[in-house]
Amino acid sequence: MTWHLPQPILTAPTADPALPPGWAAEPKWDGYRAQLARYADGRVLLRTRRGADMTPSFPEIRAAAAQLPGDTGLDGVM
């Protein structure tokens, strides 16, 4: 079985009097929006929502993710 990360979760427009019609927003506290994959074969991938590989930039996260079970995916802000 080939396992892939799903598409990133993006904001959706909602009725909010503080935003123009058709706009969406979510708070971004300092950090990066990223997806993490721990594959069954041991590989770890940390990528931006546009697909850029950030794994080499965060060796401590890569090391921690190696402890996760295989075929684990996480989406969030770090």
PDB file of N, CA and C in Angstrom:
ATOM      1  N   MET A   1       0.843  -1.175   0.000  1.00  0.00           N
ATOM      2  CA  MET A   1       0.000   0.000   0.000  1.00  0.00           C
ATOM      3  C   MET A   1       0.891   1.242   0.000  1.00  0.00           C
ATOM      4  N   THR A   2       0.573   2.193  -0.846  1.00  0.00           N
ATOM      5  CA  THR A   2       1.273   3.470  -0.862  1.00  0.00           C
ATOM      6  C   THR A   2       0.458   4.469  -0.062  1.00  0.00           C
ATOM      7  N   TRP A   3       1.096   5.136   0.859  1.00  0.00           N
ATOM      8  CA  TRP A   3       0.412   6.068   1.742  1.00  0.00           C
ATOM      9  C   TRP A   3       0.940   7.470   1.475  1.00  0.00           C
ATOM     10  N   HIS A   4       0.045   8.443   1.326  1.00  0.00           N
ATOM     11  CA  HIS A   4       0.420   9.829   1.063  1.00  0.00           C
ATOM     12  C   HIS A   4      -0.291  10.747   2.042  1.00  0.00           C
ATOM     13  N   LEU A   5       0.343  11.870   2.342  1.00  0.00           N
ATOM     14  CA  LEU A   5      -0.335  12.880   3.144  1.00  0.00           C
ATOM     15  C   LEU A   5      -1.516  13.443   2.367  1.00  0.00           C
ATOM     16  N   PRO A   6      -2.616  13.755   3.045  1.00  0.00           N
ATOM     17  CA  PRO A   6      -3.736  14.405   2.358  1.00  0.00           C
ATOM     18  C   PRO A   6      -3.397  15.855   2.051  1.00  0.00           C
ATOM     19  N   GLN A   7      -4.237  16.505   1.286  1.00  0.00           N
ATOM     20  CA  GLN A   7      -4.056  17.928   1.021  1.00  0.00           C
ATOM     21  C   GLN A   7      -4.178  18.696   2.336  1.00  0.00           C
ATOM     22  N   PRO A   8      -3.459  19.805   2.497  1.00  0.00           N
ATOM     23  CA  PRO A   8      -3.550  20.588   3.731  1.00  0.00           C
ATOM     24  C   PRO A   8      -4.959  21.128   3.941  1.00  0.00           C
ATOM     25  N   ILE A   9      -5.300  21.299   5.199  1.00  0.00           N
ATOM     26  CA  ILE A   9      -6.585  21.897   5.544  1.00  0.00           C
ATOM     27  C   ILE A   9      -6.456  23.405   5.373  1.00  0.00           C
ATOM     28  N   LEU A  10      -7.337  23.993   4.596  1.00  0.00           N
ATOM     29  CA  LEU A  10      -7.313  25.430   4.362  1.00  0.00           C
ATOM     30  C   LEU A  10      -8.539  26.078   4.983  1.00  0.00           C
ATOM     31  N   THR A  11      -8.500  27.375   5.148  1.00  0.00           N
ATOM     32  CA  THR A  11      -9.635  28.080   5.708  1.00  0.00           C
ATOM     33  C   THR A  11     -10.791  28.078   4.709  1.00  0.00           C
ATOM     34  N   ALA A  12     -11.979  28.303   5.236  1.00  0.00           N
ATOM     35  CA  ALA A  12     -13.177  28.376   4.398  1.00  0.00           C
ATOM     36  C   ALA A  12     -13.894  29.688   4.697  1.00  0.00           C
ATOM     37  N   PRO A  13     -14.502  30.311   3.666  1.00  0.00           N
ATOM     38  CA  PRO A  13     -15.226  31.558   3.909  1.00  0.00           C
ATOM     39  C   PRO A  13     -16.385  31.354   4.884  1.00  0.00           C
ATOM     40  N   THR A  14     -16.558  32.307   5.772  1.00  0.00           N
ATOM     41  CA  THR A  14     -17.687  32.299   6.708  1.00  0.00           C
ATOM     42  C   THR A  14     -18.226  33.712   6.802  1.00  0.00           C
ATOM     43  N   ALA A  15     -19.471  33.820   7.194  1.00  0.00           N
ATOM     44  CA  ALA A  15     -20.077  35.143   7.374  1.00  0.00           C
ATOM     45  C   ALA A  15     -19.497  35.761   8.648  1.00  0.00           C
ATOM     46  N   ASP A  16     -18.735  36.817   8.504  1.00  0.00           N
ATOM     47  CA  ASP A  16     -18.130  37.506   9.639  1.00  0.00           C
ATOM     48  C   ASP A  16     -18.147  38.987   9.313  1.00  0.00           C
ATOM     49  N   PRO A  17     -18.786  39.790  10.135  1.00  0.00           N
ATOM     50  CA  PRO A  17     -18.873  41.217   9.826  1.00  0.00           C
ATOM     51  C   PRO A  17     -17.523  41.925   9.765  1.00  0.00           C
ATOM     52  N   ALA A  18     -16.474  41.302  10.317  1.00  0.00           N
ATOM     53  CA  ALA A  18     -15.157  41.933  10.298  1.00  0.00           C
ATOM     54  C   ALA A  18     -14.413  41.673   8.990  1.00  0.00           C
ATOM     55  N   LEU A  19     -14.937  40.773   8.136  1.00  0.00           N
ATOM     56  CA  LEU A  19     -14.271  40.416   6.883  1.00  0.00           C
ATOM     57  C   LEU A  19     -15.158  40.762   5.696  1.00  0.00           C
ATOM     58  N   PRO A  20     -14.551  41.154   4.580  1.00  0.00           N
ATOM     59  CA  PRO A  20     -15.337  41.382   3.367  1.00  0.00           C
ATOM     60  C   PRO A  20     -15.970  40.067   2.891  1.00  0.00           C
ATOM     61  N   PRO A  21     -17.090  40.117   2.178  1.00  0.00           N
ATOM     62  CA  PRO A  21     -17.726  38.896   1.674  1.00  0.00           C
ATOM     63  C   PRO A  21     -16.754  38.059   0.839  1.00  0.00           C
ATOM     64  N   GLY A  22     -16.789  36.748   1.040  1.00  0.00           N
ATOM     65  CA  GLY A  22     -15.929  35.838   0.292  1.00  0.00           C
ATOM     66  C   GLY A  22     -14.532  35.669   0.853  1.00  0.00           C
ATOM     67  N   TRP A  23     -14.199  36.381   1.902  1.00  0.00           N
ATOM     68  CA  TRP A  23     -12.873  36.272   2.507  1.00  0.00           C
ATOM     69  C   TRP A  23     -12.902  35.256   3.645  1.00  0.00           C
ATOM     70  N   ALA A  24     -11.747  34.688   3.949  1.00  0.00           N
ATOM     71  CA  ALA A  24     -11.599  33.772   5.071  1.00  0.00           C
ATOM     72  C   ALA A  24     -10.331  34.151   5.825  1.00  0.00           C
ATOM     73  N   ALA A  25     -10.306  33.840   7.082  1.00  0.00           N
ATOM     74  CA  ALA A  25      -9.123  34.149   7.891  1.00  0.00           C
ATOM     75  C   ALA A  25      -8.999  33.140   9.016  1.00  0.00           C
ATOM     76  N   GLU A  26      -7.795  32.952   9.440  1.00  0.00           N
ATOM     77  CA  GLU A  26      -7.525  32.179  10.643  1.00  0.00           C
ATOM     78  C   GLU A  26      -6.337  32.821  11.323  1.00  0.00           C
ATOM     79  N   PRO A  27      -6.298  32.805  12.649  1.00  0.00           N
ATOM     80  CA  PRO A  27      -5.155  33.422  13.323  1.00  0.00           C
ATOM     81  C   PRO A  27      -3.885  32.622  13.031  1.00  0.00           C
ATOM     82  N   LYS A  28      -2.806  33.316  12.821  1.00  0.00           N
ATOM     83  CA  LYS A  28      -1.509  32.659  12.658  1.00  0.00           C
ATOM     84  C   LYS A  28      -0.594  33.212  13.742  1.00  0.00           C
ATOM     85  N   TRP A  29      -0.409  32.414  14.740  1.00  0.00           N
ATOM     86  CA  TRP A  29       0.514  32.778  15.788  1.00  0.00           C
ATOM     87  C   TRP A  29       1.894  32.460  15.240  1.00  0.00           C
ATOM     88  N   ASP A  30       2.904  33.104  15.741  1.00  0.00           N
ATOM     89  CA  ASP A  30       4.256  32.872  15.215  1.00  0.00           C
ATOM     90  C   ASP A  30       4.513  31.384  15.020  1.00  0.00           C
ATOM     91  N   GLY A  31       5.051  31.031  13.884  1.00  0.00           N
ATOM     92  CA  GLY A  31       5.367  29.637  13.594  1.00  0.00           C
ATOM     93  C   GLY A  31       5.121  29.313  12.141  1.00  0.00           C
ATOM     94  N   TYR A  32       5.136  28.024  11.844  1.00  0.00           N
ATOM     95  CA  TYR A  32       4.973  27.533  10.476  1.00  0.00           C
ATOM     96  C   TYR A  32       3.793  26.576  10.421  1.00  0.00           C
ATOM     97  N   ARG A  33       3.007  26.674   9.362  1.00  0.00           N
ATOM     98  CA  ARG A  33       1.971  25.679   9.102  1.00  0.00           C
ATOM     99  C   ARG A  33       2.649  24.546   8.352  1.00  0.00           C
ATOM    100  N   ALA A  34       2.512  23.311   8.831  1.00  0.00           N
ATOM    101  CA  ALA A  34       3.216  22.199   8.209  1.00  0.00           C
ATOM    102  C   ALA A  34       2.442  20.898   8.372  1.00  0.00           C
ATOM    103  N   GLN A  35       2.792  19.943   7.525  1.00  0.00           N
ATOM    104  CA  GLN A  35       2.305  18.577   7.645  1.00  0.00           C
ATOM    105  C   GLN A  35       3.502  17.673   7.882  1.00  0.00           C
ATOM    106  N   LEU A  36       3.301  16.690   8.737  1.00  0.00           N
ATOM    107  CA  LEU A  36       4.360  15.751   9.049  1.00  0.00           C
ATOM    108  C   LEU A  36       3.870  14.351   8.697  1.00  0.00           C
ATOM    109  N   ALA A  37       4.712  13.577   8.052  1.00  0.00           N
ATOM    110  CA  ALA A  37       4.404  12.180   7.746  1.00  0.00           C
ATOM    111  C   ALA A  37       5.502  11.291   8.298  1.00  0.00           C
ATOM    112  N   ARG A  38       5.106  10.231   8.972  1.00  0.00           N
ATOM    113  CA  ARG A  38       6.031   9.176   9.412  1.00  0.00           C
ATOM    114  C   ARG A  38       5.560   7.932   8.669  1.00  0.00           C
ATOM    115  N   TYR A  39       6.320   7.530   7.661  1.00  0.00           N
ATOM    116  CA  TYR A  39       5.953   6.407   6.816  1.00  0.00           C
ATOM    117  C   TYR A  39       6.322   5.078   7.479  1.00  0.00           C
ATOM    118  N   ALA A  40       5.680   4.011   7.053  1.00  0.00           N
ATOM    119  CA  ALA A  40       5.935   2.677   7.609  1.00  0.00           C
ATOM    120  C   ALA A  40       7.381   2.237   7.401  1.00  0.00           C
ATOM    121  N   ASP A  41       8.019   2.720   6.329  1.00  0.00           N
ATOM    122  CA  ASP A  41       9.412   2.333   6.072  1.00  0.00           C
ATOM    123  C   ASP A  41      10.415   3.152   6.881  1.00  0.00           C
ATOM    124  N   GLY A  42       9.924   4.033   7.766  1.00  0.00           N
ATOM    125  CA  GLY A  42      10.803   4.808   8.637  1.00  0.00           C
ATOM    126  C   GLY A  42      11.090   6.225   8.174  1.00  0.00           C
ATOM    127  N   ARG A  43      10.755   6.551   6.918  1.00  0.00           N
ATOM    128  CA  ARG A  43      11.008   7.915   6.434  1.00  0.00           C
ATOM    129  C   ARG A  43      10.125   8.905   7.181  1.00  0.00           C
ATOM    130  N   VAL A  44      10.669  10.110   7.361  1.00  0.00           N
ATOM    131  CA  VAL A  44       9.925  11.223   7.962  1.00  0.00           C
ATOM    132  C   VAL A  44       9.961  12.376   6.978  1.00  0.00           C
ATOM    133  N   LEU A  45       8.812  12.993   6.745  1.00  0.00           N
ATOM    134  CA  LEU A  45       8.707  14.136   5.845  1.00  0.00           C
ATOM    135  C   LEU A  45       7.953  15.247   6.551  1.00  0.00           C
ATOM    136  N   LEU A  46       8.540  16.429   6.558  1.00  0.00           N
ATOM    137  CA  LEU A  46       7.905  17.625   7.090  1.00  0.00           C
ATOM    138  C   LEU A  46       7.813  18.601   5.929  1.00  0.00           C
ATOM    139  N   ARG A  47       6.598  18.977   5.546  1.00  0.00           N
ATOM    140  CA  ARG A  47       6.445  19.831   4.371  1.00  0.00           C
ATOM    141  C   ARG A  47       5.504  20.996   4.640  1.00  0.00           C
ATOM    142  N   THR A  48       5.720  22.065   3.860  1.00  0.00           N
ATOM    143  CA  THR A  48       4.826  23.220   3.923  1.00  0.00           C
ATOM    144  C   THR A  48       3.530  22.879   3.200  1.00  0.00           C
ATOM    145  N   ARG A  49       2.532  23.738   3.333  1.00  0.00           N
ATOM    146  CA  ARG A  49       1.269  23.462   2.653  1.00  0.00           C
ATOM    147  C   ARG A  49       1.415  23.536   1.140  1.00  0.00           C
ATOM    148  N   ARG A  50       2.466  24.174   0.665  1.00  0.00           N
ATOM    149  CA  ARG A  50       2.718  24.220  -0.784  1.00  0.00           C
ATOM    150  C   ARG A  50       3.612  23.066  -1.245  1.00  0.00           C
ATOM    151  N   GLY A  51       4.010  22.218  -0.323  1.00  0.00           N
ATOM    152  CA  GLY A  51       4.755  21.018  -0.680  1.00  0.00           C
ATOM    153  C   GLY A  51       6.263  21.090  -0.543  1.00  0.00           C
ATOM    154  N   ALA A  52       6.811  22.219  -0.097  1.00  0.00           N
ATOM    155  CA  ALA A  52       8.266  22.329   0.073  1.00  0.00           C
ATOM    156  C   ALA A  52       8.717  21.458   1.250  1.00  0.00           C
ATOM    157  N   ASP A  53       9.815  20.742   1.066  1.00  0.00           N
ATOM    158  CA  ASP A  53      10.366  19.867   2.102  1.00  0.00           C
ATOM    159  C   ASP A  53      11.110  20.705   3.140  1.00  0.00           C
ATOM    160  N   MET A  54      10.623  20.700   4.379  1.00  0.00           N
ATOM    161  CA  MET A  54      11.257  21.439   5.480  1.00  0.00           C
ATOM    162  C   MET A  54      12.015  20.502   6.421  1.00  0.00           C
ATOM    163  N   THR A  55      12.040  19.219   6.125  1.00  0.00           N
ATOM    164  CA  THR A  55      12.624  18.235   7.038  1.00  0.00           C
ATOM    165  C   THR A  55      14.059  18.571   7.440  1.00  0.00           C
ATOM    166  N   PRO A  56      14.938  18.930   6.490  1.00  0.00           N
ATOM    167  CA  PRO A  56      16.324  19.216   6.896  1.00  0.00           C
ATOM    168  C   PRO A  56      16.459  20.416   7.839  1.00  0.00           C
ATOM    169  N   SER A  57      15.495  21.316   7.819  1.00  0.00           N
ATOM    170  CA  SER A  57      15.569  22.521   8.660  1.00  0.00           C
ATOM    171  C   SER A  57      15.192  22.261  10.112  1.00  0.00           C
ATOM    172  N   PHE A  58      14.570  21.121  10.396  1.00  0.00           N
ATOM    173  CA  PHE A  58      14.091  20.835  11.751  1.00  0.00           C
ATOM    174  C   PHE A  58      14.513  19.425  12.186  1.00  0.00           C
ATOM    175  N   PRO A  59      15.819  19.212  12.408  1.00  0.00           N
ATOM    176  CA  PRO A  59      16.286  17.867  12.778  1.00  0.00           C
ATOM    177  C   PRO A  59      15.687  17.362  14.088  1.00  0.00           C
ATOM    178  N   GLU A  60      15.375  18.256  15.013  1.00  0.00           N
ATOM    179  CA  GLU A  60      14.803  17.818  16.292  1.00  0.00           C
ATOM    180  C   GLU A  60      13.389  17.284  16.105  1.00  0.00           C
ATOM    181  N   ILE A  61      12.638  17.868  15.186  1.00  0.00           N
ATOM    182  CA  ILE A  61      11.290  17.362  14.901  1.00  0.00           C
ATOM    183  C   ILE A  61      11.388  16.033  14.160  1.00  0.00           C
ATOM    184  N   ARG A  62      12.341  15.947  13.243  1.00  0.00           N
ATOM    185  CA  ARG A  62      12.544  14.684  12.518  1.00  0.00           C
ATOM    186  C   ARG A  62      12.866  13.559  13.497  1.00  0.00           C
ATOM    187  N   ALA A  63      13.742  13.821  14.441  1.00  0.00           N
ATOM    188  CA  ALA A  63      14.117  12.801  15.426  1.00  0.00           C
ATOM    189  C   ALA A  63      12.919  12.397  16.289  1.00  0.00           C
ATOM    190  N   ALA A  64      12.134  13.364  16.718  1.00  0.00           N
ATOM    191  CA  ALA A  64      10.953  13.056  17.533  1.00  0.00           C
ATOM    192  C   ALA A  64       9.920  12.286  16.722  1.00  0.00           C
ATOM    193  N   ALA A  65       9.729  12.666  15.466  1.00  0.00           N
ATOM    194  CA  ALA A  65       8.734  12.004  14.614  1.00  0.00           C
ATOM    195  C   ALA A  65       9.120  10.560  14.328  1.00  0.00           C
ATOM    196  N   ALA A  66      10.405  10.254  14.365  1.00  0.00           N
ATOM    197  CA  ALA A  66      10.856   8.884  14.129  1.00  0.00           C
ATOM    198  C   ALA A  66      10.328   7.932  15.202  1.00  0.00           C
ATOM    199  N   GLN A  67       9.888   8.467  16.334  1.00  0.00           N
ATOM    200  CA  GLN A  67       9.340   7.652  17.417  1.00  0.00           C
ATOM    201  C   GLN A  67       7.862   7.337  17.219  1.00  0.00           C
ATOM    202  N   LEU A  68       7.209   8.003  16.260  1.00  0.00           N
ATOM    203  CA  LEU A  68       5.785   7.780  16.003  1.00  0.00           C
ATOM    204  C   LEU A  68       5.568   6.457  15.289  1.00  0.00           C
ATOM    205  N   PRO A  69       4.371   5.884  15.397  1.00  0.00           N
ATOM    206  CA  PRO A  69       4.083   4.671  14.632  1.00  0.00           C
ATOM    207  C   PRO A  69       4.125   4.959  13.133  1.00  0.00           C
ATOM    208  N   GLY A  70       4.414   3.935  12.342  1.00  0.00           N
ATOM    209  CA  GLY A  70       4.410   4.087  10.896  1.00  0.00           C
ATOM    210  C   GLY A  70       3.038   4.509  10.381  1.00  0.00           C
ATOM    211  N   ASP A  71       3.023   5.153   9.236  1.00  0.00           N
ATOM    212  CA  ASP A  71       1.796   5.646   8.606  1.00  0.00           C
ATOM    213  C   ASP A  71       1.024   6.614   9.503  1.00  0.00           C
ATOM    214  N   THR A  72       1.774   7.543  10.128  1.00  0.00           N
ATOM    215  CA  THR A  72       1.166   8.599  10.933  1.00  0.00           C
ATOM    216  C   THR A  72       1.277   9.904  10.181  1.00  0.00           C
ATOM    217  N   GLY A  73       0.204  10.677  10.159  1.00  0.00           N
ATOM    218  CA  GLY A  73       0.209  12.004   9.539  1.00  0.00           C
ATOM    219  C   GLY A  73      -0.307  13.038  10.506  1.00  0.00           C
ATOM    220  N   LEU A  74       0.348  14.174  10.576  1.00  0.00           N
ATOM    221  CA  LEU A  74      -0.061  15.275  11.441  1.00  0.00           C
ATOM    222  C   LEU A  74      -0.118  16.561  10.616  1.00  0.00           C
ATOM    223  N   ASP A  75      -1.075  17.412  10.921  1.00  0.00           N
ATOM    224  CA  ASP A  75      -1.233  18.692  10.233  1.00  0.00           C
ATOM    225  C   ASP A  75      -1.388  19.748  11.320  1.00  0.00           C
ATOM    226  N   GLY A  76      -0.556  20.768  11.304  1.00  0.00           N
ATOM    227  CA  GLY A  76      -0.689  21.782  12.342  1.00  0.00           C
ATOM    228  C   GLY A  76       0.334  22.899  12.216  1.00  0.00           C
ATOM    229  N   VAL A  77       0.406  23.689  13.266  1.00  0.00           N
ATOM    230  CA  VAL A  77       1.333  24.827  13.336  1.00  0.00           C
ATOM    231  C   VAL A  77       2.399  24.474  14.343  1.00  0.00           C
ATOM    232  N   MET A  78       3.637  24.736  13.940  1.00  0.00           N
ATOM    233  CA  MET A  78       4.741  24.450  14.860  1.00  0.00           C
ATOM    234  C   MET A  78       5.516  25.702  15.129  1.00  0.00           C
TER     235      MET A  78
END
